[in-house]
Amino acid sequence: MSTVIPLRKLQVGQKARIQTVMAHGELGRRIRDMGLIPGAEVEVTGRAPLQDPVALRLTGFTLSLRNNEADYITVEVL
């Protein structure tokens, strides 16, 4: 059985598949433009000392995402 959680809850080293992106408007467009779309696999590679932002590894690149942006994304833990 798969576990669906907010992206913010993933720990360093965990891998997951994006289920939903609930952001709309400009923020939703920016998130999707970064490659964070349903079905994409991500891995948390690091966090800043105060836990924000989070570094995510997608296929071929790494990006940083703030927790307030990560709150709009749910993932299925792999």
Foldseek 3Di string as FASTA:
>chain_A
DWDKDQQLPDDAFWKWFWADQQDDDPLSVVCVVVVNHGGWMKGFHAAPPVRAWTWIDTVPDIDTDGVVNSRRIMTITD
